[in-house]
N, C-alpha and C. Protein backbone atom coordinates (compact mmCIF):
# COMPACT_ATOMS: atom_id res chain seq x y z
N MET A 1 0.58 -1.32 -0.09
CA MET A 1 -0.21 0.02 -0.16
C MET A 1 0.77 1.48 0.05
N ILE A 2 0.22 2.44 -0.68
CA ILE A 2 0.96 3.48 -0.64
C ILE A 2 0.24 4.67 -0.57
N HIS A 3 0.56 5.65 0.10
CA HIS A 3 0.01 6.96 0.20
C HIS A 3 0.69 8.03 -0.27
N ILE A 4 -0.42 8.83 -1.34
CA ILE A 4 0.06 9.77 -2.30
C ILE A 4 -0.29 11.17 -1.65
N GLN A 5 0.69 12.16 -1.68
CA GLN A 5 0.54 13.23 -1.36
C GLN A 5 0.73 14.08 -2.09
N GLN A 6 -0.10 15.02 -3.00
CA GLN A 6 0.15 15.66 -4.21
C GLN A 6 -0.24 17.47 -3.93
N TRP A 7 0.77 18.31 -4.22
CA TRP A 7 0.66 19.30 -4.14
C TRP A 7 0.72 20.11 -5.74
N SER A 8 -0.58 21.10 -5.67
CA SER A 8 -0.97 21.30 -6.85
C SER A 8 -0.10 22.60 -7.46
N GLY A 9 0.39 23.68 -6.23
CA GLY A 9 1.00 24.90 -6.52
C GLY A 9 2.28 24.59 -6.66
N GLY A 10 3.09 23.61 -6.59
CA GLY A 10 4.66 23.33 -6.78
C GLY A 10 5.01 23.31 -8.31
N PRO A 11 4.60 22.24 -9.25
CA PRO A 11 3.75 21.23 -8.66
C PRO A 11 4.60 19.86 -8.35
N SER A 12 4.27 19.47 -7.39
CA SER A 12 5.03 18.34 -6.34
C SER A 12 4.18 17.29 -5.70
N ALA A 13 4.94 15.92 -5.62
CA ALA A 13 4.21 14.96 -4.88
C ALA A 13 5.06 13.96 -4.35
N ARG A 14 4.72 13.21 -3.22
CA ARG A 14 5.38 12.31 -2.28
C ARG A 14 4.36 11.11 -2.17
N ILE A 15 5.11 9.84 -2.56
CA ILE A 15 4.56 8.59 -2.43
C ILE A 15 5.15 7.90 -1.28
N THR A 16 4.57 7.82 -0.19
CA THR A 16 5.08 6.69 1.11
C THR A 16 4.89 5.41 0.60
N ASP A 17 5.67 4.77 0.95
CA ASP A 17 5.50 2.92 1.13
C ASP A 17 4.64 2.60 2.49
N MET A 18 3.56 2.20 2.86
CA MET A 18 2.88 2.22 4.12
C MET A 18 3.04 0.76 4.74
N THR A 19 3.67 0.25 3.99
CA THR A 19 4.09 -0.93 4.83
C THR A 19 4.29 -0.82 6.24
N ASN A 20 5.37 0.03 6.84
CA ASN A 20 5.87 -0.02 8.06
C ASN A 20 4.94 1.29 8.95
N ALA A 21 4.17 1.63 8.14
CA ALA A 21 3.53 3.13 8.80
C ALA A 21 3.05 2.84 10.36
N GLY A 22 3.63 3.68 11.05
CA GLY A 22 2.89 3.47 12.56
C GLY A 22 3.45 2.71 13.08
N LYS A 23 4.52 1.98 12.69
CA LYS A 23 5.52 1.08 13.64
C LYS A 23 6.68 1.45 14.08
N ARG A 24 7.04 1.94 15.59
CA ARG A 24 7.88 2.16 16.25
C ARG A 24 9.18 1.47 15.58
N GLY A 25 10.37 1.94 15.67
CA GLY A 25 11.51 1.34 15.04
C GLY A 25 11.34 0.90 13.52
N LYS A 26 10.61 1.20 12.77
CA LYS A 26 10.43 0.73 11.24
C LYS A 26 10.83 2.14 10.73
N VAL A 27 10.76 2.11 9.44
CA VAL A 27 11.36 3.28 8.34
C VAL A 27 10.28 2.78 7.42
N CYS A 28 9.68 3.90 6.71
CA CYS A 28 9.04 3.77 5.38
C CYS A 28 9.49 4.61 4.61
N ARG A 29 9.90 3.96 2.91
CA ARG A 29 10.38 4.39 2.11
C ARG A 29 9.40 5.66 1.76
N THR A 30 10.10 6.78 0.80
CA THR A 30 9.55 7.72 0.35
C THR A 30 10.05 8.12 -1.30
N PHE A 31 9.22 8.51 -1.79
CA PHE A 31 9.78 8.95 -3.34
C PHE A 31 9.02 10.45 -3.53
N THR A 32 9.85 11.51 -3.46
CA THR A 32 9.65 12.61 -4.00
C THR A 32 9.72 13.20 -5.26
N TRP A 33 8.81 13.83 -5.77
CA TRP A 33 8.98 14.34 -7.53
C TRP A 33 8.63 15.82 -7.03
N ASN A 34 9.34 16.63 -7.55
CA ASN A 34 9.44 18.31 -7.49
C ASN A 34 9.20 18.71 -8.92
N GLY A 35 8.41 19.00 -9.61
CA GLY A 35 8.24 19.28 -10.78
C GLY A 35 8.22 20.57 -11.15
N PHE A 36 7.79 21.58 -12.58
CA PHE A 36 8.33 22.59 -13.24
C PHE A 36 6.82 22.81 -13.80
N ARG A 37 6.47 24.10 -13.88
CA ARG A 37 5.05 24.50 -14.79
C ARG A 37 5.49 26.02 -15.11
N TRP A 38 5.86 25.60 -16.58
CA TRP A 38 6.40 26.93 -17.50
C TRP A 38 4.93 27.46 -18.62
N GLN A 39 4.97 28.63 -18.07
CA GLN A 39 3.48 29.40 -18.41
C GLN A 39 3.51 30.28 -19.84
N GLY A 40 5.00 30.51 -19.98
CA GLY A 40 5.25 31.41 -21.64
C GLY A 40 5.22 30.80 -22.93
N GLN A 41 5.79 30.91 -23.93
CA GLN A 41 5.72 30.42 -25.11
C GLN A 41 6.76 29.69 -25.41
N ARG A 42 6.35 28.67 -26.19
CA ARG A 42 7.28 27.67 -26.73
C ARG A 42 8.95 28.36 -26.63
N ASP A 43 8.88 29.53 -27.71
CA ASP A 43 10.03 29.81 -28.17
C ASP A 43 10.69 30.65 -26.80
N ASP A 44 10.13 31.02 -25.79
CA ASP A 44 10.81 31.67 -24.73
C ASP A 44 12.04 30.92 -24.25
N ASN A 45 11.97 29.99 -23.83
CA ASN A 45 12.86 28.71 -23.42
C ASN A 45 12.38 27.24 -23.46
N PRO A 46 13.20 26.80 -25.00
CA PRO A 46 12.65 25.59 -25.41
C PRO A 46 12.46 24.55 -23.96
N ALA A 47 13.59 24.74 -23.33
CA ALA A 47 13.98 23.67 -22.07
C ALA A 47 12.88 23.64 -21.21
N TRP A 48 12.53 25.00 -21.06
CA TRP A 48 11.57 25.36 -19.93
C TRP A 48 10.46 24.22 -20.43
N TYR A 49 10.14 24.74 -21.61
CA TYR A 49 8.54 24.06 -22.20
C TYR A 49 8.97 22.75 -21.96
N ASP A 50 9.48 22.17 -22.44
CA ASP A 50 10.09 20.58 -22.13
C ASP A 50 9.55 20.30 -20.57
N ALA A 51 10.68 20.67 -20.08
CA ALA A 51 10.71 20.20 -18.64
C ALA A 51 9.08 20.45 -17.94
N SER A 52 8.26 21.61 -18.38
CA SER A 52 6.60 22.07 -18.15
C SER A 52 6.10 20.77 -18.93
N ASP A 53 6.28 20.18 -20.04
CA ASP A 53 5.29 19.31 -20.26
C ASP A 53 5.88 18.16 -19.93
N ALA A 54 6.87 17.61 -19.41
CA ALA A 54 7.19 16.49 -18.54
C ALA A 54 6.62 16.44 -16.92
N SER A 55 6.77 17.59 -16.47
CA SER A 55 6.03 17.87 -15.32
C SER A 55 4.45 17.23 -15.42
N LEU A 56 3.80 17.91 -16.72
CA LEU A 56 2.19 17.82 -16.75
C LEU A 56 1.94 16.16 -16.71
N GLN A 57 2.67 15.64 -17.53
CA GLN A 57 2.96 14.28 -17.73
C GLN A 57 3.18 13.43 -16.54
N ALA A 58 3.99 13.78 -15.81
CA ALA A 58 4.39 12.91 -14.01
C ALA A 58 3.15 13.65 -13.47
N GLU A 59 2.58 14.59 -13.50
CA GLU A 59 1.32 14.85 -12.49
C GLU A 59 0.00 13.82 -13.08
N VAL A 60 -0.09 13.59 -14.27
CA VAL A 60 -0.90 12.76 -14.72
C VAL A 60 -0.46 11.72 -14.41
N ALA A 61 0.39 10.86 -14.42
CA ALA A 61 0.90 9.75 -13.58
C ALA A 61 0.78 9.11 -12.58
N ILE A 62 0.91 10.41 -11.65
CA ILE A 62 0.63 10.29 -10.11
C ILE A 62 -0.78 9.92 -9.84
N ARG A 63 -1.65 11.10 -10.73
CA ARG A 63 -2.93 11.01 -10.33
C ARG A 63 -3.52 9.84 -10.53
N ASP A 64 -3.02 8.90 -11.55
CA ASP A 64 -3.23 7.53 -12.06
C ASP A 64 -2.96 6.64 -10.85
N LEU A 65 -2.08 7.06 -10.29
CA LEU A 65 -1.67 5.61 -9.04
C LEU A 65 -2.93 5.79 -7.89
N THR A 66 -2.98 4.23 -7.51
CA THR A 66 -3.63 4.03 -6.45
C THR A 66 -3.11 3.67 -5.06
N ALA A 67 -4.29 3.99 -4.31
CA ALA A 67 -3.62 3.28 -2.43
C ALA A 67 -3.16 2.02 -2.83
N ASP A 68 -3.62 0.94 -3.28
CA ASP A 68 -3.46 0.12 -3.09
C ASP A 68 -2.31 -0.61 -3.94
N MET A 69 -1.45 0.21 -4.75
CA MET A 69 -0.63 -0.04 -5.59
C MET A 69 0.76 -0.18 -4.62
N ASN A 70 1.82 -1.13 -5.50
CA ASN A 70 2.90 -1.88 -4.78
C ASN A 70 3.94 -0.49 -4.58
N PHE A 71 4.61 -0.09 -3.59
CA PHE A 71 5.67 1.12 -3.84
C PHE A 71 6.36 1.03 -5.13
N ASP A 72 7.17 0.14 -5.39
CA ASP A 72 8.30 -0.05 -6.07
C ASP A 72 7.51 0.31 -7.81
N ALA A 73 6.35 -0.35 -7.97
CA ALA A 73 5.68 -0.42 -8.93
C ALA A 73 5.15 0.96 -9.10
N ALA A 74 4.93 1.79 -8.37
CA ALA A 74 4.20 3.29 -8.39
C ALA A 74 5.68 4.00 -8.78
N VAL A 75 6.57 3.94 -8.11
CA VAL A 75 7.57 4.60 -8.67
C VAL A 75 8.49 4.76 -10.04
N ALA A 76 8.11 3.32 -10.36
CA ALA A 76 8.44 2.75 -11.77
C ALA A 76 7.77 3.44 -12.64
N LYS A 77 6.14 3.77 -12.54
CA LYS A 77 5.68 4.34 -13.39
C LYS A 77 5.99 5.65 -13.36
N VAL A 78 6.20 6.39 -12.40
CA VAL A 78 6.64 7.82 -12.51
C VAL A 78 7.81 7.99 -13.10
N ARG A 79 8.86 7.22 -12.80
CA ARG A 79 10.22 7.22 -13.33
C ARG A 79 10.27 7.17 -14.80
N SER A 80 9.31 6.02 -15.21
CA SER A 80 9.18 6.15 -16.70
C SER A 80 8.71 7.01 -17.44
N VAL A 81 8.29 8.04 -16.89
CA VAL A 81 7.20 9.13 -17.71
C VAL A 81 8.41 10.09 -17.74
N MET A 82 9.57 10.25 -16.42
CA MET A 82 10.24 10.86 -16.25
C MET A 82 11.71 11.02 -17.26
N ALA A 83 11.48 9.31 -17.61
CA ALA A 83 12.76 9.02 -18.71
C ALA A 83 12.53 9.99 -19.70
N ASP A 84 11.40 10.26 -20.28
CA ASP A 84 11.47 10.61 -21.62
C ASP A 84 11.33 12.10 -21.59
N ASN A 85 11.96 12.81 -20.28
CA ASN A 85 12.03 14.33 -20.01
C ASN A 85 13.33 14.95 -20.52
N PRO A 86 13.52 15.18 -21.79
CA PRO A 86 14.40 16.00 -22.82
C PRO A 86 15.29 17.02 -22.04
N ALA A 87 14.12 17.38 -20.89
CA ALA A 87 14.90 18.76 -20.07
C ALA A 87 16.23 18.09 -18.92
N GLY A 88 15.55 16.63 -18.85
CA GLY A 88 16.56 16.37 -17.62
C GLY A 88 16.31 16.45 -16.28
N GLU A 89 16.90 16.23 -15.36
CA GLU A 89 16.64 16.88 -14.08
C GLU A 89 17.38 18.20 -13.47
N SER A 90 17.55 18.52 -14.69
CA SER A 90 17.72 20.08 -14.30
C SER A 90 16.44 20.61 -13.74
N TYR A 91 15.34 20.65 -14.41
CA TYR A 91 14.38 21.52 -13.93
C TYR A 91 13.24 20.71 -13.07
N VAL A 92 13.31 19.43 -13.40
CA VAL A 92 12.27 18.33 -12.83
C VAL A 92 12.94 17.47 -11.92
N ARG A 93 13.02 17.44 -10.50
CA ARG A 93 13.66 16.47 -9.76
C ARG A 93 12.86 15.35 -9.19
N THR A 94 13.60 14.18 -8.94
CA THR A 94 13.38 13.44 -8.20
C THR A 94 14.01 12.64 -7.07
N TYR A 95 13.56 12.19 -6.16
CA TYR A 95 14.63 11.56 -4.83
C TYR A 95 13.89 10.57 -4.28
N GLU A 96 14.84 9.63 -3.41
CA GLU A 96 14.22 8.61 -2.55
C GLU A 96 14.74 9.13 -1.38
N ASP A 97 13.72 8.86 -0.04
CA ASP A 97 14.29 8.86 1.08
C ASP A 97 13.88 7.95 2.02
N THR A 98 14.02 8.02 3.80
CA THR A 98 13.09 7.35 4.29
C THR A 98 12.40 8.31 5.40
N ILE A 99 11.44 7.86 5.83
CA ILE A 99 10.77 8.50 7.09
C ILE A 99 10.86 7.33 8.43
N LYS A 100 10.29 7.89 9.92
CA LYS A 100 10.15 7.00 10.42
C LYS A 100 8.91 6.51 10.24
N GLY A 101 8.76 5.36 10.88
CA GLY A 101 7.33 4.39 10.59
C GLY A 101 6.06 5.24 11.29
N ILE A 102 6.45 5.74 12.37
CA ILE A 102 5.60 6.69 13.39
C ILE A 102 5.30 7.99 12.76
N ASP A 103 6.44 8.28 11.79
CA ASP A 103 5.78 9.71 10.76
C ASP A 103 5.34 9.95 9.62
N ALA A 104 4.95 8.56 9.41
CA ALA A 104 4.19 8.49 7.95
C ALA A 104 2.59 9.11 8.13
N PRO A 105 2.51 9.07 6.96
CA PRO A 105 1.27 10.02 6.60
C PRO A 105 0.00 8.95 7.37
N ARG A 106 -1.16 9.63 7.39
CA ARG A 106 -2.10 8.71 8.14
C ARG A 106 -3.37 8.60 6.80
N VAL A 107 -3.91 7.49 7.15
CA VAL A 107 -5.24 7.38 5.77
C VAL A 107 -6.18 8.42 6.38
N LYS A 108 -6.46 8.98 5.60
CA LYS A 108 -7.40 10.35 5.39
C LYS A 108 -8.71 9.65 5.75
N LEU A 109 -9.59 9.81 7.06
CA LEU A 109 -10.88 9.54 7.21
C LEU A 109 -11.73 10.61 6.59
N LEU A 110 -12.91 9.84 6.12
CA LEU A 110 -13.99 10.94 5.65
C LEU A 110 -15.28 10.46 6.34
N ALA A 111 -16.09 11.66 6.50
CA ALA A 111 -17.33 11.37 6.81
C ALA A 111 -18.27 12.81 6.33
N GLY A 112 -19.72 12.54 6.38
CA GLY A 112 -20.62 13.65 6.64
C GLY A 112 -21.50 12.92 5.98
N VAL A 113 -22.60 13.97 5.39
CA VAL A 113 -23.84 14.17 4.58
C VAL A 113 -23.75 15.07 3.67
N ALA A 114 -24.25 14.40 2.57
CA ALA A 114 -24.12 15.52 1.04
C ALA A 114 -24.94 16.66 1.45
N ASP A 115 -24.53 18.04 1.51
CA ASP A 115 -24.89 19.29 1.27
C ASP A 115 -25.66 19.55 2.33
N VAL A 116 -24.85 18.56 3.66
CA VAL A 116 -25.31 19.06 5.52
C VAL A 116 -24.11 19.42 5.67
N TRP A 117 -23.38 18.46 5.96
CA TRP A 117 -21.63 18.71 6.80
C TRP A 117 -20.93 18.05 6.32
N SER A 118 -19.27 18.27 6.23
CA SER A 118 -18.43 17.28 5.89
C SER A 118 -17.40 17.47 6.89
N GLY A 119 -16.64 16.17 6.81
CA GLY A 119 -15.61 16.34 8.30
C GLY A 119 -14.24 15.34 7.42
N SER A 120 -13.49 15.34 7.86
CA SER A 120 -11.82 14.59 7.56
C SER A 120 -11.00 14.54 8.36
N ALA A 121 -10.30 13.52 8.54
CA ALA A 121 -8.72 13.62 9.96
C ALA A 121 -8.01 13.01 8.84
N ASP A 122 -6.62 13.53 9.03
CA ASP A 122 -5.51 13.39 8.26
C ASP A 122 -4.44 14.02 8.99
N GLU A 123 -3.17 13.32 8.54
CA GLU A 123 -1.81 14.17 9.17
C GLU A 123 -2.40 15.64 9.59
N ASP A 124 -3.18 16.56 8.85
CA ASP A 124 -3.09 17.78 9.21
C ASP A 124 -4.39 18.06 10.13
N GLY A 125 -4.78 16.91 10.78
CA GLY A 125 -5.59 17.10 12.03
C GLY A 125 -6.94 16.94 11.44
N VAL A 126 -8.07 17.52 12.27
CA VAL A 126 -9.41 16.88 12.34
C VAL A 126 -9.97 18.09 11.56
N SER A 127 -10.97 18.28 10.81
CA SER A 127 -11.53 19.22 10.03
C SER A 127 -13.51 19.23 9.88
N LEU A 128 -14.00 19.93 10.44
CA LEU A 128 -15.54 19.63 10.30
C LEU A 128 -15.70 20.75 9.53
N ALA A 129 -16.97 20.71 8.58
CA ALA A 129 -17.69 22.07 7.73
C ALA A 129 -18.89 21.87 7.96
N ASP A 130 -19.41 22.71 8.42
CA ASP A 130 -21.64 22.77 8.45
C ASP A 130 -21.57 23.40 6.84
N LEU A 131 -22.30 22.72 5.92
CA LEU A 131 -22.49 23.22 4.66
C LEU A 131 -23.58 23.53 4.38
N THR A 132 -24.72 23.87 5.38
CA THR A 132 -26.03 24.50 5.65
C THR A 132 -26.27 26.06 5.91
N ASP A 133 -25.35 26.63 6.68
CA ASP A 133 -25.27 27.66 6.97
C ASP A 133 -24.23 28.50 6.03
N HIS A 134 -24.79 28.77 5.04
CA HIS A 134 -23.97 29.90 4.21
C HIS A 134 -23.94 31.26 4.62
N HIS A 135 -24.27 31.72 5.55
CA HIS A 135 -24.29 33.01 6.02
C HIS A 135 -22.87 33.31 6.74
N ASN A 136 -22.67 32.19 7.75
CA ASN A 136 -21.34 31.97 8.96
C ASN A 136 -20.72 30.99 8.59
N GLU A 137 -20.78 30.06 7.85
CA GLU A 137 -19.98 28.76 7.36
C GLU A 137 -19.40 28.24 8.58
N PRO A 138 -20.05 27.43 9.49
CA PRO A 138 -19.05 27.29 10.37
C PRO A 138 -18.27 26.17 10.25
N ARG A 139 -17.06 26.39 10.95
CA ARG A 139 -15.96 25.25 11.01
C ARG A 139 -15.47 24.62 12.25
N GLU A 140 -14.89 23.47 12.48
CA GLU A 140 -14.14 23.09 13.64
C GLU A 140 -12.90 22.42 13.20
N ILE A 141 -12.06 22.97 13.85
CA ILE A 141 -10.57 22.32 13.53
C ILE A 141 -9.59 22.22 14.71
N THR A 142 -8.53 21.13 14.56
CA THR A 142 -8.07 20.72 15.45
C THR A 142 -7.35 21.99 16.44
N SER A 143 -7.17 21.87 17.74
CA SER A 143 -7.00 23.12 18.01
C SER A 143 -6.24 22.97 19.42
N ARG A 144 -5.09 23.58 19.98
CA ARG A 144 -4.36 23.44 21.02
C ARG A 144 -3.89 21.66 21.58
N GLN A 145 -3.38 20.96 20.40
CA GLN A 145 -3.39 19.82 20.52
C GLN A 145 -2.50 19.55 19.18
N SER A 146 -1.70 18.51 19.39
CA SER A 146 -1.15 17.80 18.36
C SER A 146 -1.98 17.24 17.29
N LYS A 147 -1.53 17.53 15.71
CA LYS A 147 -2.74 17.03 14.99
C LYS A 147 -2.60 15.63 14.83
N ALA A 148 -1.31 14.89 15.21
CA ALA A 148 -1.09 13.50 15.16
C ALA A 148 -2.20 12.93 16.34
N GLU A 149 -2.17 13.57 17.45
CA GLU A 149 -2.76 13.34 18.86
C GLU A 149 -4.50 13.25 18.34
N ALA A 150 -4.92 14.31 17.86
CA ALA A 150 -6.17 14.66 17.31
C ALA A 150 -6.41 13.24 16.31
N TYR A 151 -5.53 13.21 15.36
CA TYR A 151 -6.15 12.02 14.57
C TYR A 151 -5.97 10.81 15.12
N ARG A 152 -5.30 10.74 16.26
CA ARG A 152 -5.24 8.90 16.68
C ARG A 152 -6.48 8.66 17.73
N LEU A 153 -7.23 10.03 18.42
CA LEU A 153 -8.08 10.31 19.11
C LEU A 153 -9.73 10.18 17.93
N ALA A 154 -9.26 10.49 17.04
CA ALA A 154 -10.83 10.63 16.07
C ALA A 154 -10.47 9.33 15.26
N ALA A 155 -9.70 8.53 15.22
CA ALA A 155 -10.05 7.18 14.47
C ALA A 155 -10.27 5.83 15.21
N LYS A 156 -10.34 6.64 16.57
CA LYS A 156 -11.23 5.81 17.69
C LYS A 156 -12.28 5.21 17.73
N VAL A 157 -13.14 6.90 17.10
CA VAL A 157 -14.48 6.89 17.23
C VAL A 157 -15.03 7.34 15.81
N TRP A 158 -14.19 7.09 14.75
CA TRP A 158 -14.68 7.49 13.40
C TRP A 158 -15.83 7.15 12.84
N PRO A 159 -16.07 5.72 13.51
CA PRO A 159 -17.44 5.13 12.72
C PRO A 159 -18.81 5.66 13.23
N GLN A 160 -18.75 6.47 14.40
CA GLN A 160 -19.52 6.75 15.28
C GLN A 160 -19.79 8.22 14.83
N VAL A 161 -18.72 9.15 14.09
CA VAL A 161 -18.29 10.38 13.74
C VAL A 161 -19.51 9.92 12.01
N GLN A 162 -18.85 9.04 11.65
CA GLN A 162 -19.25 8.78 10.08
C GLN A 162 -21.24 8.73 10.34
N ALA A 163 -21.68 8.16 11.60
CA ALA A 163 -22.80 8.09 11.74
C ALA A 163 -23.90 9.34 11.96
N CYS A 164 -23.18 10.30 12.37
CA CYS A 164 -23.66 11.30 12.87
C CYS A 164 -24.24 11.91 11.28
N ARG A 165 -25.65 13.27 11.91
CA ARG A 165 -26.23 13.70 10.96
C ARG A 165 -25.77 14.87 10.76
N THR A 166 -25.13 15.94 11.79
CA THR A 166 -24.89 17.47 11.65
C THR A 166 -23.58 17.52 12.14
N MET A 167 -22.95 18.47 11.90
CA MET A 167 -21.69 18.78 12.35
C MET A 167 -21.48 18.98 13.82
N SER A 168 -22.37 19.42 14.35
CA SER A 168 -22.56 19.97 15.70
C SER A 168 -22.63 18.43 16.73
N GLU A 169 -23.36 17.68 15.94
CA GLU A 169 -23.20 16.04 16.65
C GLU A 169 -21.94 15.59 16.42
N ALA A 170 -21.07 15.61 15.10
CA ALA A 170 -20.20 15.00 15.18
C ALA A 170 -18.92 15.56 16.00
N GLY A 171 -19.28 17.01 16.12
CA GLY A 171 -18.28 17.52 17.01
C GLY A 171 -18.21 17.19 18.57
N ARG A 172 -19.74 16.87 18.89
CA ARG A 172 -19.71 16.63 20.54
C ARG A 172 -19.11 14.95 20.68
N VAL A 173 -19.43 14.20 19.49
CA VAL A 173 -18.36 13.03 19.71
C VAL A 173 -17.24 12.95 19.77
N LEU A 174 -16.50 13.83 18.80
CA LEU A 174 -14.86 13.92 18.94
C LEU A 174 -14.32 14.70 20.04
N THR A 175 -15.28 15.92 20.55
CA THR A 175 -14.71 16.37 21.77
C THR A 175 -15.00 15.30 23.07
N ALA A 176 -16.27 14.66 23.19
CA ALA A 176 -16.08 13.36 24.16
C ALA A 176 -14.90 12.34 24.23
N ALA A 177 -14.48 12.16 22.77
CA ALA A 177 -13.54 11.40 22.66
C ALA A 177 -12.06 11.94 23.03
N GLY A 178 -11.70 13.30 23.50
CA GLY A 178 -10.22 13.71 23.48
C GLY A 178 -10.20 14.88 22.59
N CYS A 179 -10.86 15.14 21.49
CA CYS A 179 -10.20 15.98 20.24
C CYS A 179 -10.49 17.59 21.04
N LYS A 180 -9.55 17.92 20.96
CA LYS A 180 -9.83 19.23 21.47
C LYS A 180 -10.00 20.65 19.88
N LEU A 181 -11.17 20.87 19.42
CA LEU A 181 -11.47 21.51 18.31
C LEU A 181 -11.47 22.90 18.80
N HIS A 182 -11.78 23.50 17.79
CA HIS A 182 -11.66 24.95 17.90
C HIS A 182 -12.82 25.55 17.08
N TYR A 183 -13.65 25.85 17.35
CA TYR A 183 -15.45 26.35 16.59
C TYR A 183 -14.99 28.00 16.13
N TYR A 184 -15.13 27.98 15.02
CA TYR A 184 -14.99 29.76 14.25
C TYR A 184 -16.00 29.63 13.41
N CYS A 185 -16.20 30.53 12.24
CA CYS A 185 -17.08 30.87 11.55
C CYS A 185 -16.07 31.51 10.51
N ALA A 186 -16.47 30.79 9.37
CA ALA A 186 -15.29 30.75 8.25
C ALA A 186 -15.32 32.46 7.38
N MET A 187 -16.98 33.10 7.91
CA MET A 187 -17.02 34.15 6.86
C MET A 187 -16.40 35.35 7.51
N ASP A 188 -15.72 36.29 6.97
CA ASP A 188 -15.69 37.15 7.21
C ASP A 188 -16.27 38.76 7.20
């Protein structure tokens, strides 16, 4: 199994081998890809244009990866696209590394009722959103607690959170489990 985290602004992505995720004393292999996007004309700098085109191809290849893939197969798929990059690694870079198993990304937990509320928990903490109040846009997020701790606590009660009918109800379940959430309105 793999975890894929993709950043569109960069563009860049990291693929993590989840075999040892969450295990103390173990490591998880990672593959990071940093791309390049050129918005100019082809005549401005052909190497930049080629690198941008290769980046786009790699982005598409990464989007096609699935969480149940083998790490080595996923990396090979992205590297095969990069092998055709005429600009080389001077603009588009890849590298492999390891991280501690306990620092591996968490599987994203999702909950909610369509057009009523949504919720998620991952390495960025816990987040809830009320989708019915368009005037205030109520939200709850992890506060005064590490995001990893909030995730650990939320994972224990996530089936109960998924059964909730409103954001407020989900917030009460998570608070009772020990999650420290901050309630705010997203409207300025």
